[in-house]
Amino acid sequence: MSGLIKGVFVPTVVPYTKDGSIDEAELEHIIHWLIRKGISGLYPNGSMGEFIRLSFEERKKVVEIIARAAGGRVPILAGAAEPNIDMVLDMCRHCADLGCRAVSLTGPYYYKVSQESIEQYFREIAQRSPIDIILYNIPQFANEISLPVLERLALDCPRIVGVKDSSMDMCRMLHTLNAVKGQRPAFSVLVGWEELFVPSLFMGADGGTLSTAGVAPEAIMKMYHAARSGAWAEAKRMQFKLLEVFQAMVSATNFPEGFRAGYEIRGFRVGPARHPLSVDERRCMEEIRGRIACLLAECGFPEAAETCAAVGGGKTSSSKDERDALVRSIVRDVLKNIEPKGQ
């Protein structure tokens, strides 16, 4: 599988069993569901997958499970951000052997290093990697990859085939498109922040890696296809509609707990993230879960209506009859307004 990396790649969640180990069966279930919903590709071992909280062997295992479940139906862009070059290259070889399309690499993290060092780091990996590389700029958590360094790497290193930008900086996105795409059109530019998805597509980005696509793949793919077909009014409408859903999940206590709640509302058993919540945080998550459910119900997902109704549309409902009445009301409104979803 080759060519321009484009479309919507889903940063995959990792479900856990009661003893805290990876729930392989549920992860496979999620992958089959996402592919049936029409997502463009899969993105294991990113922030959503808590890669930093998994062991090296667990990270390898996650890619194995997802590659097996996907069965070549969609491309896989696998996170391979490891603490040193040898481990990065080990993961690159592993992902190549599993048939992944490319790996995604952040700048070095924890230690602050110079841009000269970052450039040399990526050049060495690019020379030795058996698989294509997407550079991942996420300055909140790793050393920023400056635009001059990105441009030189894009133009000098054939193995580096694209960039994912999660800086939340639209100006940087525009400069990336202007500086690199004009000279290397096959270089993929992906946005990693939902709130900038449609604006980035409008300006020439090739797609994105969007966490909300794991919870609401139908809506995200419909928005992507609307943009690709030039239906910008519809894409804009959906971008605004999904802002509240994204904000509710991303701002929930301890990322990625809000998104994990979204998966559970859609019917999956993912369990808690690998970081404990305090008693107050657990109590707070119940309220946030209800808000996420109501927003998803408003976006056209009837299965979220019952969870929404259980908290009285954001408040505690006093009886089963009241909850049932609210469920019927929400579902009726959803079915009246729902539009066919793109696959």
Protein backbone atom coordinates (compact mmCIF):
# COMPACT_ATOMS: atom_id res chain seq x y z
CA MET A 1 0.00 0.00 0.00
CA SER A 2 1.59 3.27 -1.12
CA GLY A 3 0.67 6.71 -2.37
CA LEU A 4 -0.44 9.85 -0.58
CA ILE A 5 -1.55 9.27 3.01
CA LYS A 6 -4.95 10.95 3.25
CA GLY A 7 -8.33 10.76 4.92
CA VAL A 8 -9.32 10.31 8.54
CA PHE A 9 -7.10 8.10 10.68
CA VAL A 10 -8.58 7.07 14.02
CA PRO A 11 -6.27 7.25 17.06
CA THR A 12 -7.25 3.93 18.59
CA VAL A 13 -8.22 3.52 22.22
CA VAL A 14 -6.86 0.52 24.15
CA PRO A 15 -9.53 -1.34 26.16
CA TYR A 16 -8.48 -3.14 29.34
CA THR A 17 -9.82 -6.17 31.18
CA LYS A 18 -10.65 -6.07 34.90
CA ASP A 19 -7.08 -7.09 35.77
CA GLY A 20 -5.69 -4.17 33.72
CA SER A 21 -4.33 -6.17 30.78
CA ILE A 22 -5.13 -5.35 27.15
CA ASP A 23 -8.56 -6.67 26.16
CA GLU A 24 -7.67 -8.12 22.76
CA ALA A 25 -11.20 -9.26 21.87
CA GLU A 26 -12.74 -5.86 22.58
CA LEU A 27 -9.98 -4.05 20.69
CA GLU A 28 -10.65 -6.27 17.66
CA HIS A 29 -14.38 -5.56 18.05
CA ILE A 30 -13.71 -1.81 17.96
CA ILE A 31 -11.48 -2.12 14.88
CA HIS A 32 -14.07 -4.13 12.92
CA TRP A 33 -16.74 -1.57 13.85
CA LEU A 34 -14.62 1.42 12.81
CA ILE A 35 -13.82 -0.15 9.44
CA ARG A 36 -17.50 -0.93 8.83
CA LYS A 37 -18.26 2.72 9.55
CA GLY A 38 -15.97 3.77 6.70
CA ILE A 39 -12.94 5.29 8.44
CA SER A 40 -9.91 5.85 6.21
CA GLY A 41 -7.26 4.34 8.45
CA LEU A 42 -6.11 3.45 11.94
CA TYR A 43 -3.60 5.14 14.23
CA PRO A 44 -2.43 2.94 17.14
CA ASN A 45 -0.03 4.01 19.89
CA GLY A 46 -0.91 7.68 19.95
CA SER A 47 -2.04 9.82 22.88
CA MET A 48 -5.51 8.25 22.75
CA GLY A 49 -3.93 4.81 23.11
CA GLU A 50 -1.92 5.96 26.18
CA PHE A 51 1.27 4.71 24.53
CA ILE A 52 3.43 6.29 27.21
CA ARG A 53 1.64 4.21 29.87
CA LEU A 54 2.19 0.92 28.05
CA SER A 55 5.33 -1.18 28.08
CA PHE A 56 7.37 -1.50 24.88
CA GLU A 57 6.08 -5.05 24.42
CA GLU A 58 2.51 -3.91 24.98
CA ARG A 59 2.92 -1.23 22.33
CA LYS A 60 4.12 -3.88 19.91
CA LYS A 61 1.18 -6.07 20.88
CA VAL A 62 -1.34 -3.29 20.21
CA VAL A 63 -0.06 -2.90 16.64
CA GLU A 64 -0.17 -6.68 16.16
CA ILE A 65 -3.80 -6.91 17.32
CA ILE A 66 -4.90 -3.99 15.14
CA ALA A 67 -3.01 -5.20 12.05
CA ARG A 68 -4.56 -8.64 12.45
CA ALA A 69 -8.07 -7.24 12.89
CA ALA A 70 -7.71 -4.79 10.00
CA GLY A 71 -6.50 -7.51 7.67
CA GLY A 72 -5.21 -5.02 5.11
CA ARG A 73 -8.62 -3.38 4.63
CA VAL A 74 -7.38 0.08 5.67
CA PRO A 75 -3.88 1.56 6.07
CA ILE A 76 -2.28 1.73 9.50
CA LEU A 77 -0.22 4.71 10.64
CA ALA A 78 1.43 3.44 13.82
CA GLY A 79 2.95 5.54 16.57
CA ALA A 80 6.63 4.67 17.04
CA ALA A 81 7.78 7.44 19.38
CA GLU A 82 10.30 5.68 21.62
CA PRO A 83 12.94 7.01 24.05
CA ASN A 84 15.96 6.38 21.79
CA ILE A 85 16.85 5.69 18.17
CA ASP A 86 17.48 1.97 18.61
CA MET A 87 14.01 1.44 20.09
CA VAL A 88 12.43 3.62 17.39
CA LEU A 89 14.07 1.51 14.68
CA ASP A 90 13.03 -1.70 16.46
CA MET A 91 9.42 -0.49 16.37
CA CYS A 92 9.81 0.62 12.74
CA ARG A 93 10.91 -2.89 11.77
CA HIS A 94 8.04 -4.40 13.75
CA CYS A 95 5.46 -2.16 12.06
CA ALA A 96 6.97 -2.82 8.63
CA ASP A 97 6.77 -6.58 9.20
CA LEU A 98 3.07 -6.21 10.12
CA GLY A 99 2.32 -4.34 6.88
CA CYS A 100 1.70 -0.88 8.33
CA ARG A 101 1.63 1.98 5.82
CA ALA A 102 3.92 4.24 7.88
CA VAL A 103 4.99 5.13 11.40
CA SER A 104 4.44 8.40 13.21
CA LEU A 105 7.33 9.95 15.16
CA THR A 106 7.23 12.86 17.58
CA GLY A 107 10.27 14.96 18.25
CA PRO A 108 12.37 13.69 21.17
CA TYR A 109 10.49 14.10 24.44
CA TYR A 110 11.35 14.81 28.12
CA TYR A 111 14.78 16.35 27.42
CA LYS A 112 14.91 19.71 25.67
CA VAL A 113 17.22 19.49 22.66
CA SER A 114 18.30 21.85 19.90
CA GLN A 115 16.72 22.04 16.47
CA GLU A 116 20.06 20.89 15.00
CA SER A 117 19.88 17.79 17.17
CA ILE A 118 16.24 17.15 16.21
CA GLU A 119 17.10 17.38 12.52
CA GLN A 120 20.00 14.95 12.90
CA TYR A 121 17.78 12.59 14.91
CA PHE A 122 15.21 12.34 12.11
CA ARG A 123 17.83 12.14 9.36
CA GLU A 124 19.46 9.15 11.00
CA ILE A 125 16.15 7.37 11.50
CA ALA A 126 15.07 8.15 7.92
CA GLN A 127 18.29 6.64 6.54
CA ARG A 128 17.81 3.40 8.48
CA SER A 129 14.04 2.93 8.64
CA PRO A 130 12.43 0.13 6.56
CA ILE A 131 9.08 1.97 6.60
CA ASP A 132 7.81 5.43 5.64
CA ILE A 133 7.69 8.10 8.34
CA ILE A 134 5.16 10.77 9.26
CA LEU A 135 6.67 13.49 11.46
CA TYR A 136 4.43 14.34 14.41
CA ASN A 137 4.59 17.90 15.71
CA ILE A 138 3.03 18.12 19.17
CA PRO A 139 4.91 20.83 21.09
CA GLN A 140 2.69 20.39 24.16
CA PHE A 141 4.40 17.06 24.92
CA ALA A 142 7.56 16.80 22.80
CA ASN A 143 10.22 19.04 21.30
CA GLU A 144 8.73 21.15 18.52
CA ILE A 145 9.88 20.41 14.98
CA SER A 146 10.54 23.88 13.59
CA LEU A 147 9.27 24.81 10.13
CA PRO A 148 12.77 25.21 8.64
CA VAL A 149 13.76 21.75 9.93
CA LEU A 150 10.49 20.26 8.67
CA GLU A 151 10.99 21.78 5.22
CA ARG A 152 14.56 20.49 4.90
CA LEU A 153 13.60 17.01 6.05
CA ALA A 154 10.60 16.92 3.70
CA LEU A 155 12.68 17.90 0.70
CA ASP A 156 15.83 15.86 1.50
CA CYS A 157 14.49 12.57 2.91
CA PRO A 158 12.31 10.41 0.63
CA ARG A 159 11.44 8.11 3.55
CA ILE A 160 9.77 11.04 5.36
CA VAL A 161 6.42 11.26 3.56
CA GLY A 162 4.31 13.59 5.66
CA VAL A 163 3.59 15.50 8.84
CA LYS A 164 0.87 15.38 11.45
CA ASP A 165 0.44 18.69 13.25
CA SER A 166 -1.27 18.89 16.65
CA SER A 167 0.09 22.29 17.60
CA MET A 168 -3.40 23.88 17.42
CA ASP A 169 -1.69 26.59 15.35
CA MET A 170 -3.52 27.40 12.11
CA CYS A 171 -0.81 29.82 11.05
CA ARG A 172 1.76 27.04 11.27
CA MET A 173 -0.53 24.78 9.25
CA LEU A 174 -0.73 27.41 6.50
CA HIS A 175 3.03 27.90 6.44
CA THR A 176 3.54 24.11 6.28
CA LEU A 177 1.20 23.81 3.32
CA ASN A 178 2.82 26.77 1.58
CA ALA A 179 6.43 25.81 2.22
CA VAL A 180 6.28 22.07 1.61
CA LYS A 181 3.26 21.11 -0.49
CA GLY A 182 4.20 23.42 -3.34
CA GLN A 183 7.59 21.74 -3.69
CA ARG A 184 6.54 18.19 -2.86
CA PRO A 185 2.82 17.66 -3.62
CA ALA A 186 2.92 14.00 -2.53
CA PHE A 187 4.00 15.04 0.97
CA SER A 188 1.02 14.39 3.25
CA VAL A 189 -0.17 17.10 5.65
CA LEU A 190 -2.52 15.89 8.38
CA VAL A 191 -4.11 17.91 11.16
CA GLY A 192 -4.28 16.39 14.63
CA TRP A 193 -6.74 18.79 16.22
CA GLU A 194 -10.50 18.46 15.56
CA GLU A 195 -11.27 22.16 15.86
CA LEU A 196 -9.06 22.94 12.86
CA PHE A 197 -10.12 20.02 10.68
CA VAL A 198 -12.42 21.69 8.13
CA PRO A 199 -10.37 24.92 7.93
CA SER A 200 -7.25 22.83 7.28
CA LEU A 201 -8.98 20.78 4.57
CA PHE A 202 -10.18 24.00 2.95
CA MET A 203 -6.60 25.26 2.77
CA GLY A 204 -5.26 22.03 1.27
CA ALA A 205 -4.54 19.55 4.07
CA ASP A 206 -4.92 15.89 3.16
CA GLY A 207 -6.83 14.73 6.24
CA GLY A 208 -6.38 14.25 9.93
CA THR A 209 -5.97 11.97 12.90
CA LEU A 210 -9.05 12.75 14.96
CA SER A 211 -9.90 11.18 18.32
CA THR A 212 -13.59 12.02 17.94
CA ALA A 213 -13.63 9.77 14.86
CA GLY A 214 -13.35 6.78 17.20
CA VAL A 215 -16.53 7.77 19.05
CA ALA A 216 -18.54 9.27 16.16
CA PRO A 217 -17.00 7.86 12.95
CA GLU A 218 -20.23 8.33 10.98
CA ALA A 219 -20.33 12.06 11.65
CA ILE A 220 -16.61 12.67 11.14
CA MET A 221 -16.53 10.76 7.86
CA LYS A 222 -19.64 12.58 6.64
CA MET A 223 -17.91 15.88 7.42
CA TYR A 224 -14.73 14.76 5.62
CA HIS A 225 -16.62 13.64 2.50
CA ALA A 226 -18.64 16.86 2.46
CA ALA A 227 -15.41 18.85 2.46
CA ARG A 228 -13.82 16.67 -0.20
CA SER A 229 -16.84 17.08 -2.47
CA GLY A 230 -16.79 20.87 -2.08
CA ALA A 231 -19.93 20.99 0.09
CA TRP A 232 -18.29 23.51 2.38
CA ALA A 233 -21.50 24.83 3.92
CA GLU A 234 -22.38 21.33 5.13
CA ALA A 235 -18.81 20.66 6.30
CA LYS A 236 -18.83 23.97 8.21
CA ARG A 237 -22.19 23.16 9.81
CA MET A 238 -20.92 19.81 11.01
CA GLN A 239 -17.62 21.27 12.23
CA PHE A 240 -19.54 23.61 14.53
CA LYS A 241 -21.96 20.87 15.61
CA LEU A 242 -19.14 18.59 16.69
CA LEU A 243 -17.17 21.26 18.57
CA GLU A 244 -19.16 20.75 21.77
CA VAL A 245 -18.77 16.97 21.61
CA PHE A 246 -15.02 17.27 21.20
CA GLN A 247 -14.68 19.87 23.94
CA ALA A 248 -16.74 17.80 26.37
CA MET A 249 -14.50 14.78 25.82
CA VAL A 250 -11.11 16.49 25.59
CA SER A 251 -11.68 18.64 28.69
CA ALA A 252 -12.92 15.79 30.89
CA THR A 253 -10.91 14.83 33.95
CA ASN A 254 -7.62 13.15 32.97
CA PHE A 255 -7.36 12.69 29.20
CA PRO A 256 -8.39 10.34 27.61
CA GLU A 257 -11.16 9.50 30.13
CA GLY A 258 -13.73 11.63 28.27
CA PHE A 259 -13.16 9.77 25.01
CA ARG A 260 -13.23 6.43 26.78
CA ALA A 261 -16.63 7.43 28.19
CA GLY A 262 -17.71 8.20 24.62
CA TYR A 263 -16.75 4.69 23.50
CA GLU A 264 -18.72 3.19 26.37
CA ILE A 265 -21.77 5.28 25.49
CA ARG A 266 -21.51 3.86 21.94
CA GLY A 267 -21.61 0.35 23.43
CA PHE A 268 -17.99 -0.75 24.01
CA ARG A 269 -16.31 -2.03 27.18
CA VAL A 270 -13.07 -0.09 27.40
CA GLY A 271 -12.60 0.27 31.16
CA PRO A 272 -10.77 3.14 32.86
CA ALA A 273 -7.55 4.68 31.58
CA ARG A 274 -4.24 3.62 33.09
CA HIS A 275 -4.15 6.45 35.56
CA PRO A 276 -6.22 6.43 38.76
CA LEU A 277 -8.91 9.01 39.41
CA SER A 278 -9.60 10.50 42.83
CA VAL A 279 -13.00 10.02 44.46
CA ASP A 280 -14.00 13.56 43.45
CA GLU A 281 -12.79 13.01 39.89
CA ARG A 282 -14.81 9.80 39.57
CA ARG A 283 -17.88 11.67 40.80
CA CYS A 284 -17.19 14.46 38.31
CA MET A 285 -16.83 11.94 35.47
CA GLU A 286 -20.38 10.72 36.02
CA GLU A 287 -21.69 14.22 35.33
CA ILE A 288 -19.39 14.63 32.32
CA ARG A 289 -20.47 11.23 30.98
CA GLY A 290 -24.09 12.39 31.03
CA ARG A 291 -23.19 15.58 29.16
CA ILE A 292 -21.26 13.63 26.50
CA ALA A 293 -24.20 11.24 26.10
CA CYS A 294 -26.68 14.08 25.60
CA LEU A 295 -24.43 15.78 23.03
CA LEU A 296 -24.01 12.51 21.13
CA ALA A 297 -27.78 11.97 21.20
CA GLU A 298 -28.27 15.45 19.74
CA CYS A 299 -25.80 14.57 16.98
CA GLY A 300 -27.93 11.64 15.88
CA PHE A 301 -26.88 8.62 17.94
CA PRO A 302 -30.01 7.13 19.53
CA GLU A 303 -28.06 4.65 21.68
CA ALA A 304 -26.71 7.64 23.62
CA ALA A 305 -30.23 8.76 24.51
CA GLU A 306 -30.71 6.28 27.34
CA THR A 307 -27.51 7.35 29.10
CA CYS A 308 -28.54 10.97 28.62
CA ALA A 309 -31.99 10.26 30.04
CA ALA A 310 -30.54 8.37 33.02
CA VAL A 311 -29.11 11.67 34.21
CA GLY A 312 -32.21 13.61 33.23
CA GLY A 313 -30.59 15.35 30.30
CA GLY A 314 -27.82 16.50 32.60
CA LYS A 315 -29.85 16.36 35.82
CA THR A 316 -30.86 13.46 38.04
CA SER A 317 -34.20 11.96 36.94
CA SER A 318 -36.50 11.03 39.83
CA SER A 319 -38.26 7.95 38.43
CA LYS A 320 -38.08 5.21 35.83
CA ASP A 321 -41.22 6.58 34.12
CA GLU A 322 -39.58 9.99 33.76
CA ARG A 323 -36.39 8.42 32.38
CA ASP A 324 -38.37 6.32 29.90
CA ALA A 325 -40.35 9.36 28.78
CA LEU A 326 -37.13 11.33 28.28
CA VAL A 327 -35.59 8.46 26.27
CA ARG A 328 -38.64 8.38 23.99
CA SER A 329 -38.54 12.15 23.60
CA ILE A 330 -34.84 12.25 22.72
CA VAL A 331 -35.07 9.33 20.30
CA ARG A 332 -38.13 10.85 18.64
CA ASP A 333 -36.31 14.16 18.14
CA VAL A 334 -33.17 12.41 16.89
CA LEU A 335 -35.04 10.23 14.39
CA LYS A 336 -36.98 13.26 13.14
CA ASN A 337 -33.83 15.25 12.44
CA ILE A 338 -31.26 12.59 11.68
CA GLU A 339 -29.72 12.61 8.21
CA PRO A 340 -28.24 9.59 6.39
CA LYS A 341 -24.67 9.07 7.53
CA GLY A 342 -21.75 8.72 5.12
CA GLN A 343 -19.91 5.40 5.19
